[in-house]
Amino acid sequence: MEIGMLPISASKRGKLLAAGYTSLHSIATTSITHLATDIEVSESEALEILNFATKTSALERSSGSNTNVIQGGQTAWDMLNEERFSSSITTSCVDLDNILGGGINCKEVTEIGGVPGIGKTQIGIQLAVNVQIPLDYGGLGGKAIYIDTEGSFMVERVLQIAEACIEDMSEYSHHFHKDNQAYGVKMHPNSILENIFYFRVCSYTEQIALVNYLDKFVTEHKDVKIIIIDSVTFHFRQDFEDMALRTRLLGEMSLKLMKLARNFSLA
């Protein structure tokens, strides 16, 4: 269970997230005094929150966590075969796909960095479109989640890329199936836009809350195959004096994203 599901008030949950407590484990391993100081509440309120977290964490452990650990074991041979047959999403750039070993791999978190204006948002939008390429054309036929922290998402650009993607598939279909009209592309740019779930995030607390919510969202939308965050560090670069807290928050967020990628076979 995550912080957002604890049976406490919304204001207290907000304070926990803002202070960097994003999991039950992070609460259970701190002291009452530290918790009270970090979230600016009385020690009695901190004790109440700590008791909730400790009891819930204990219930989760007793419900079969040891079984999960045992079931998670696999041989190195299994891991190698899993990597060989893992799915990937093309970037629409042959050279970049080759460097990445075939594209953006599922079950992994891929970080793309660079100076402003280098094309990071362009690649993110391209991937949100390319993940929808049907299986018949070598794609995954999935949907995308796009988390925009900088306000750089341009729906007009998405439409242009969607139209170009359909045009490329039409050329492919015409080249390989000249005598069969049934192989025409049946996708429409509007349907591509409808398959991109867009979230605008305006603060690091919103970002943490949304990442915690993604597990539930993806469970309800199992055809989602990629989560794009543009960019993951934007809100952590501004007015953040506590570098230790910043590192802890980003580290926990990375672990959650890696767990999501692994459990749901996402890119």
Protein backbone atom coordinates (compact mmCIF):
# COMPACT_ATOMS: atom_id res chain seq x y z
CA MET A 1 0.00 0.00 0.00
CA GLU A 2 1.24 3.48 -0.84
CA ILE A 3 0.99 6.71 1.14
CA GLY A 4 -2.05 7.86 -0.83
CA MET A 5 -4.07 4.88 0.45
CA LEU A 6 -3.37 5.35 4.17
CA PRO A 7 -6.53 6.05 6.24
CA ILE A 8 -5.39 9.55 7.26
CA SER A 9 -6.48 13.03 6.22
CA ALA A 10 -5.55 14.42 2.80
CA SER A 11 -3.56 17.23 4.41
CA LYS A 12 -1.39 14.75 6.32
CA ARG A 13 -0.84 12.66 3.19
CA GLY A 14 0.22 15.83 1.38
CA LYS A 15 2.70 16.67 4.13
CA LEU A 16 4.16 13.16 3.99
CA LEU A 17 4.68 13.34 0.23
CA ALA A 18 6.15 16.83 0.43
CA ALA A 19 8.63 15.64 3.07
CA GLY A 20 9.74 12.71 0.93
CA TYR A 21 7.81 9.86 2.58
CA THR A 22 6.52 8.00 -0.47
CA SER A 23 6.21 4.47 0.91
CA LEU A 24 5.19 2.69 4.10
CA HIS A 25 8.76 1.52 4.55
CA SER A 26 10.10 5.08 4.57
CA ILE A 27 7.69 5.95 7.42
CA ALA A 28 8.17 2.77 9.42
CA THR A 29 11.95 3.21 9.50
CA THR A 30 11.93 6.72 10.96
CA SER A 31 11.41 7.94 14.52
CA ILE A 32 8.43 9.83 15.93
CA THR A 33 10.58 12.91 16.52
CA HIS A 34 12.01 12.95 13.00
CA LEU A 35 8.58 12.36 11.46
CA ALA A 36 7.02 15.16 13.51
CA THR A 37 9.82 17.56 12.52
CA ASP A 38 9.80 16.61 8.83
CA ILE A 39 6.06 17.07 8.30
CA GLU A 40 5.61 19.84 10.89
CA VAL A 41 3.03 18.16 13.12
CA SER A 42 2.88 17.35 16.83
CA GLU A 43 4.47 14.16 18.12
CA SER A 44 1.02 12.76 18.93
CA GLU A 45 -0.03 13.22 15.28
CA ALA A 46 3.27 11.72 14.13
CA LEU A 47 2.68 8.72 16.42
CA GLU A 48 -0.79 8.24 14.91
CA ILE A 49 0.64 8.21 11.37
CA LEU A 50 3.51 5.93 12.39
CA ASN A 51 1.08 3.45 13.97
CA PHE A 52 -1.08 3.38 10.84
CA ALA A 53 1.96 2.77 8.63
CA THR A 54 3.48 0.12 10.91
CA LYS A 55 0.25 -1.87 11.25
CA THR A 56 -0.50 -1.75 7.52
CA SER A 57 3.06 -2.71 6.64
CA ALA A 58 2.89 -5.67 9.03
CA LEU A 59 -0.37 -6.87 7.46
CA GLU A 60 1.17 -6.72 3.99
CA ARG A 61 4.22 -8.70 5.10
CA SER A 62 2.04 -11.38 6.71
CA SER A 63 -0.07 -11.76 3.55
CA GLY A 64 2.63 -13.54 1.59
CA SER A 65 5.64 -11.34 0.94
CA ASN A 66 7.97 -14.32 1.44
CA THR A 67 6.16 -16.19 -1.32
CA ASN A 68 6.68 -13.26 -3.66
CA VAL A 69 10.41 -13.31 -3.02
CA ILE A 70 10.61 -17.03 -3.76
CA GLN A 71 8.50 -16.71 -6.90
CA GLY A 72 10.70 -13.85 -8.09
CA GLY A 73 13.73 -16.13 -8.46
CA GLN A 74 14.86 -17.14 -11.95
CA THR A 75 17.95 -18.57 -13.59
CA ALA A 76 20.46 -16.55 -15.58
CA TRP A 77 19.45 -18.60 -18.64
CA ASP A 78 15.85 -17.51 -18.22
CA MET A 79 17.00 -13.91 -17.92
CA LEU A 80 19.04 -14.18 -21.12
CA ASN A 81 16.12 -15.62 -23.08
CA GLU A 82 13.82 -12.98 -21.64
CA GLU A 83 16.15 -10.25 -22.90
CA ARG A 84 16.46 -11.87 -26.34
CA PHE A 85 12.71 -11.97 -26.85
CA SER A 86 11.79 -8.75 -25.07
CA SER A 87 9.69 -6.18 -26.93
CA SER A 88 10.99 -2.79 -27.98
CA ILE A 89 9.62 0.44 -29.45
CA THR A 90 11.27 2.01 -32.47
CA THR A 91 12.48 5.60 -32.23
CA SER A 92 12.01 6.02 -36.02
CA CYS A 93 15.76 6.52 -36.28
CA VAL A 94 17.63 3.43 -37.52
CA ASP A 95 20.99 4.51 -36.09
CA LEU A 96 19.52 5.26 -32.67
CA ASP A 97 17.59 1.98 -32.66
CA ASN A 98 20.82 0.12 -33.42
CA ILE A 99 22.64 1.84 -30.58
CA LEU A 100 19.81 0.92 -28.20
CA GLY A 101 19.76 -2.69 -29.38
CA GLY A 102 16.54 -2.45 -31.37
CA GLY A 103 14.79 0.52 -29.80
CA ILE A 104 13.45 1.47 -26.38
CA ASN A 105 13.18 -1.82 -24.50
CA CYS A 106 10.19 -2.82 -22.42
CA LYS A 107 10.68 -3.88 -18.78
CA GLU A 108 13.39 -1.22 -18.50
CA VAL A 109 13.63 2.46 -17.62
CA THR A 110 15.45 4.45 -20.31
CA GLU A 111 16.81 7.91 -19.49
CA ILE A 112 17.42 10.38 -22.31
CA GLY A 113 19.51 13.42 -21.42
CA GLY A 114 20.94 16.43 -23.22
CA VAL A 115 21.07 20.20 -23.42
CA PRO A 116 17.84 22.18 -24.05
CA GLY A 117 16.64 22.04 -27.65
CA ILE A 118 18.40 18.78 -28.52
CA GLY A 119 15.11 16.96 -29.19
CA LYS A 120 14.23 15.11 -25.98
CA THR A 121 10.57 16.14 -26.14
CA GLN A 122 10.48 15.24 -29.84
CA ILE A 123 11.67 11.69 -29.04
CA GLY A 124 9.12 11.42 -26.23
CA ILE A 125 6.25 12.40 -28.52
CA GLN A 126 7.56 10.11 -31.26
CA LEU A 127 7.58 7.16 -28.83
CA ALA A 128 4.05 7.97 -27.63
CA VAL A 129 2.95 7.59 -31.27
CA ASN A 130 5.20 4.68 -32.25
CA VAL A 131 4.06 2.49 -29.36
CA GLN A 132 0.68 2.38 -31.13
CA ILE A 133 2.04 0.87 -34.36
CA PRO A 134 0.01 -2.36 -34.85
CA LEU A 135 1.54 -5.80 -34.35
CA ASP A 136 1.21 -6.47 -38.10
CA TYR A 137 3.68 -3.66 -38.73
CA GLY A 138 6.20 -4.71 -36.09
CA GLY A 139 4.82 -2.53 -33.29
CA LEU A 140 3.19 -3.22 -29.93
CA GLY A 141 -0.30 -1.87 -30.62
CA GLY A 142 -0.32 -0.24 -27.19
CA LYS A 143 -1.14 3.09 -25.57
CA ALA A 144 1.01 5.74 -23.89
CA ILE A 145 1.07 7.79 -20.71
CA TYR A 146 2.72 11.21 -21.17
CA ILE A 147 3.60 13.14 -17.99
CA ASP A 148 4.48 16.74 -18.81
CA THR A 149 6.34 18.63 -16.08
CA GLU A 150 7.64 21.51 -18.22
CA GLY A 151 4.59 22.39 -20.33
CA SER A 152 6.43 21.52 -23.53
CA PHE A 153 3.88 19.02 -24.89
CA MET A 154 2.46 20.29 -28.20
CA VAL A 155 -0.65 18.49 -29.42
CA GLU A 156 -0.24 20.00 -32.91
CA ARG A 157 3.17 18.32 -33.13
CA VAL A 158 1.67 15.03 -31.96
CA LEU A 159 -0.87 15.24 -34.78
CA GLN A 160 1.89 15.87 -37.34
CA ILE A 161 3.90 12.89 -36.12
CA ALA A 162 0.78 10.70 -36.07
CA GLU A 163 -0.01 11.62 -39.68
CA ALA A 164 3.60 10.90 -40.71
CA CYS A 165 3.52 7.54 -38.92
CA ILE A 166 0.35 6.48 -40.74
CA GLU A 167 1.86 7.61 -44.04
CA ASP A 168 4.97 5.48 -43.38
CA MET A 169 2.81 2.45 -42.60
CA SER A 170 0.78 3.03 -45.76
CA GLU A 171 3.96 3.04 -47.84
CA TYR A 172 5.12 -0.13 -46.10
CA SER A 173 1.77 -1.81 -46.75
CA HIS A 174 1.74 -0.76 -50.39
CA HIS A 175 5.29 -2.01 -50.94
CA PHE A 176 4.80 -5.48 -49.41
CA HIS A 177 1.15 -6.08 -50.28
CA LYS A 178 0.70 -4.47 -53.69
CA ASP A 179 -1.92 -6.98 -54.81
CA ASN A 180 -3.95 -7.12 -51.60
CA GLN A 181 -6.08 -4.08 -50.76
CA ALA A 182 -7.12 -5.66 -47.45
CA TYR A 183 -3.76 -4.71 -45.97
CA GLY A 184 -4.49 -0.98 -46.02
CA VAL A 185 -3.77 1.00 -42.86
CA LYS A 186 -6.93 1.35 -40.80
CA MET A 187 -5.57 3.80 -38.23
CA HIS A 188 -6.57 7.46 -38.05
CA PRO A 189 -4.54 10.32 -36.53
CA ASN A 190 -7.40 11.14 -34.15
CA SER A 191 -7.37 7.60 -32.74
CA ILE A 192 -3.63 7.92 -32.06
CA LEU A 193 -4.23 11.09 -30.05
CA GLU A 194 -7.01 9.36 -28.12
CA ASN A 195 -4.57 6.64 -27.05
CA ILE A 196 -2.18 9.07 -25.34
CA PHE A 197 -3.09 9.72 -21.69
CA TYR A 198 -1.74 13.18 -20.86
CA PHE A 199 -0.97 14.43 -17.33
CA ARG A 200 0.23 17.98 -16.61
CA VAL A 201 2.28 18.17 -13.39
CA CYS A 202 3.06 21.54 -11.79
CA SER A 203 5.04 20.61 -8.67
CA TYR A 204 7.26 17.86 -7.33
CA THR A 205 4.55 16.80 -4.84
CA GLU A 206 2.09 16.35 -7.71
CA GLN A 207 4.71 14.35 -9.57
CA ILE A 208 5.32 12.03 -6.60
CA ALA A 209 1.58 11.54 -6.08
CA LEU A 210 1.06 10.75 -9.77
CA VAL A 211 3.91 8.21 -9.88
CA ASN A 212 2.36 6.51 -6.85
CA TYR A 213 -1.00 6.43 -8.68
CA LEU A 214 0.41 4.91 -11.88
CA ASP A 215 0.27 1.34 -10.55
CA LYS A 216 -3.51 1.59 -10.18
CA PHE A 217 -3.94 3.42 -13.49
CA VAL A 218 -1.92 0.88 -15.50
CA THR A 219 -3.78 -1.98 -13.80
CA GLU A 220 -7.01 -0.47 -15.12
CA HIS A 221 -5.49 0.28 -18.56
CA LYS A 222 -3.50 -2.85 -19.35
CA ASP A 223 -2.88 -1.81 -22.96
CA VAL A 224 -0.53 0.97 -21.79
CA LYS A 225 2.98 0.03 -22.96
CA ILE A 226 5.03 3.14 -22.27
CA ILE A 227 5.26 5.88 -19.64
CA ILE A 228 7.04 9.08 -20.67
CA ILE A 229 8.07 11.73 -18.12
CA ASP A 230 9.27 14.99 -19.68
CA SER A 231 11.25 15.67 -17.64
CA VAL A 232 11.69 13.75 -14.41
CA THR A 233 14.00 16.28 -12.71
CA PHE A 234 12.43 19.61 -13.75
CA HIS A 235 10.61 20.33 -10.47
CA PHE A 236 13.56 19.05 -8.44
CA ARG A 237 15.95 21.63 -9.89
CA GLN A 238 14.06 24.65 -8.55
CA ASP A 239 13.94 25.95 -4.97
CA PHE A 240 15.23 22.68 -3.55
CA GLU A 241 17.72 23.43 -0.77
CA ASP A 242 17.75 20.01 0.90
CA MET A 243 19.91 17.95 -1.47
CA ALA A 244 19.64 14.82 0.68
CA LEU A 245 15.84 14.94 0.46
CA ARG A 246 16.05 15.61 -3.27
CA THR A 247 18.27 12.56 -3.78
CA ARG A 248 16.00 10.36 -1.69
CA LEU A 249 12.86 11.44 -3.54
CA LEU A 250 14.41 10.89 -6.98
CA GLY A 251 15.83 7.54 -5.87
CA GLU A 252 12.48 6.28 -4.60
CA MET A 253 10.75 7.52 -7.75
CA SER A 254 13.27 5.67 -9.91
CA LEU A 255 12.67 2.46 -7.97
CA LYS A 256 8.90 2.79 -8.42
CA LEU A 257 9.27 3.37 -12.17
CA MET A 258 11.58 0.35 -12.50
CA LYS A 259 9.07 -1.78 -10.60
CA LEU A 260 6.26 -0.59 -12.88
CA ALA A 261 8.32 -1.35 -15.99
CA ARG A 262 9.13 -4.84 -14.74
CA ASN A 263 5.68 -5.80 -13.45
CA PHE A 264 3.69 -4.50 -16.43
CA SER A 265 6.29 -4.96 -19.20
CA LEU A 266 6.43 -1.21 -19.87
CA ALA A 267 9.01 1.01 -21.51
